[in-house]
Amino acid sequence: MVKRVLITDDALFIRVALKNILEKNGFVVVGEAENGFSAIEKYKLLKPDIVTLDITMPVMGGLDALKHIRAFDKNAKVLMISSMGQESVVREAVISGALGFLIKPFNEETIVKSLSKL
């Protein structure tokens, strides 16, 4: 089954890099969001199988977006991707329902392996 992904990151180059990796490996990128608020709206509209969320973004960060998305859909599959690897942030993301956490910079193998598990 092809997995449909919503990519969320405020950095365009990260969204482009993720999209290229995912599409090359058989995923379908159904949308992109530049902040948490946009991710929530697009999640409700597009109903992706997986969401990637950056932690630090303008308007609304990834942790808040994660909580809203999981409140809307308790079965949402969310992978956090961030340059912030502090244990407290990782713990809060997992407690809030994230199914995985990757630290930037990431590589293709790590991304594909992590998303394939979800």
Protein backbone atom coordinates (compact mmCIF):
# COMPACT_ATOMS: atom_id res chain seq x y z
CA MET A 1 0.00 0.00 0.00
CA VAL A 2 1.32 3.42 -0.95
CA LYS A 3 1.65 5.74 2.04
CA ARG A 4 0.41 9.32 1.63
CA VAL A 5 2.51 11.92 3.48
CA LEU A 6 2.01 15.53 4.61
CA ILE A 7 5.38 17.27 5.09
CA THR A 8 5.57 20.14 7.59
CA ASP A 9 8.64 22.35 7.93
CA ASP A 10 9.15 26.10 7.76
CA ALA A 11 12.29 25.64 5.63
CA LEU A 12 11.49 25.17 1.93
CA PHE A 13 14.76 23.33 1.29
CA ILE A 14 13.87 20.73 3.95
CA ARG A 15 10.40 20.21 2.42
CA VAL A 16 11.94 19.81 -1.04
CA ALA A 17 14.61 17.38 0.24
CA LEU A 18 12.02 15.29 2.09
CA LYS A 19 9.65 15.27 -0.89
CA ASN A 20 12.43 14.11 -3.24
CA ILE A 21 13.49 11.32 -0.86
CA LEU A 22 9.95 10.14 -0.23
CA GLU A 23 8.78 10.18 -3.86
CA LYS A 24 11.95 8.36 -4.95
CA ASN A 25 11.10 5.63 -2.42
CA GLY A 26 7.45 5.06 -3.33
CA PHE A 27 5.65 7.45 -0.97
CA VAL A 28 3.13 10.00 -2.25
CA VAL A 29 3.49 13.53 -0.89
CA VAL A 30 -0.09 14.82 -0.73
CA GLY A 31 0.78 18.23 0.71
CA GLU A 32 3.25 20.54 2.36
CA ALA A 33 2.80 22.95 5.26
CA GLU A 34 5.11 25.70 6.46
CA ASN A 35 3.82 25.85 10.05
CA GLY A 36 1.77 23.90 12.57
CA PHE A 37 -1.47 25.78 11.97
CA SER A 38 -1.30 25.04 8.25
CA ALA A 39 -0.46 21.39 9.02
CA ILE A 40 -3.64 20.99 11.10
CA GLU A 41 -5.80 22.48 8.35
CA LYS A 42 -4.16 20.36 5.65
CA TYR A 43 -4.36 17.21 7.80
CA LYS A 44 -8.13 17.64 8.11
CA LEU A 45 -8.49 18.34 4.38
CA LEU A 46 -6.05 15.79 2.91
CA LYS A 47 -6.27 12.96 5.48
CA PRO A 48 -2.68 11.72 4.94
CA ASP A 49 -1.44 8.38 6.27
CA ILE A 50 1.64 10.04 7.84
CA VAL A 51 2.58 13.57 8.91
CA THR A 52 6.11 14.86 9.42
CA LEU A 53 6.33 17.81 11.80
CA ASP A 54 9.25 20.11 12.51
CA ILE A 55 9.40 21.29 16.14
CA THR A 56 10.34 24.94 15.77
CA MET A 57 8.19 26.88 13.29
CA PRO A 58 6.55 30.31 13.18
CA VAL A 59 2.81 30.76 13.92
CA MET A 60 2.51 27.34 15.62
CA GLY A 61 5.25 24.85 16.46
CA GLY A 62 5.23 21.13 15.87
CA LEU A 63 4.44 20.05 19.43
CA ASP A 64 1.25 22.13 19.52
CA ALA A 65 0.29 20.94 16.04
CA LEU A 66 0.89 17.34 17.12
CA LYS A 67 -1.50 17.74 20.05
CA HIS A 68 -4.20 19.29 17.82
CA ILE A 69 -3.83 16.64 15.12
CA ARG A 70 -3.97 13.80 17.67
CA ALA A 71 -7.04 15.39 19.31
CA PHE A 72 -8.71 15.46 15.89
CA ASP A 73 -7.57 11.91 14.99
CA LYS A 74 -6.27 9.71 17.81
CA ASN A 75 -4.87 7.29 15.20
CA ALA A 76 -2.78 9.94 13.38
CA LYS A 77 0.72 8.73 12.55
CA VAL A 78 3.17 11.54 13.20
CA LEU A 79 6.95 11.60 12.86
CA MET A 80 8.74 14.56 14.43
CA ILE A 81 11.81 15.83 12.57
CA SER A 82 13.89 18.50 14.26
CA SER A 83 17.35 19.89 14.81
CA MET A 84 16.40 20.05 18.50
CA GLY A 85 17.31 16.72 20.04
CA GLN A 86 16.92 17.61 23.70
CA GLU A 87 15.60 14.69 25.70
CA SER A 88 12.76 16.76 27.19
CA VAL A 89 11.47 17.73 23.73
CA VAL A 90 11.68 14.15 22.48
CA ARG A 91 9.87 12.92 25.60
CA GLU A 92 7.10 15.52 25.24
CA ALA A 93 6.62 14.59 21.57
CA VAL A 94 6.32 10.88 22.38
CA ILE A 95 3.98 11.52 25.32
CA SER A 96 1.86 13.69 23.01
CA GLY A 97 1.52 10.86 20.51
CA ALA A 98 4.43 11.09 18.07
CA LEU A 99 5.39 7.64 16.80
CA GLY A 100 8.97 8.60 16.04
CA PHE A 101 11.56 11.36 16.26
CA LEU A 102 14.40 12.11 13.82
CA ILE A 103 17.19 14.63 14.29
CA LYS A 104 18.33 16.89 11.43
CA PRO A 105 20.41 16.52 9.41
CA PHE A 106 18.79 13.29 8.31
CA ASN A 107 19.75 10.87 5.56
CA GLU A 108 17.62 9.06 3.02
CA GLU A 109 17.93 5.62 4.62
CA THR A 110 16.89 6.88 8.07
CA ILE A 111 13.86 8.76 6.71
CA VAL A 112 12.62 5.84 4.59
CA LYS A 113 13.15 3.31 7.38
CA SER A 114 11.35 5.49 9.95
CA LEU A 115 8.35 6.26 7.74
CA SER A 116 8.04 2.68 6.51
CA LYS A 117 7.61 1.49 10.11
CA LEU A 118 4.60 3.76 10.73
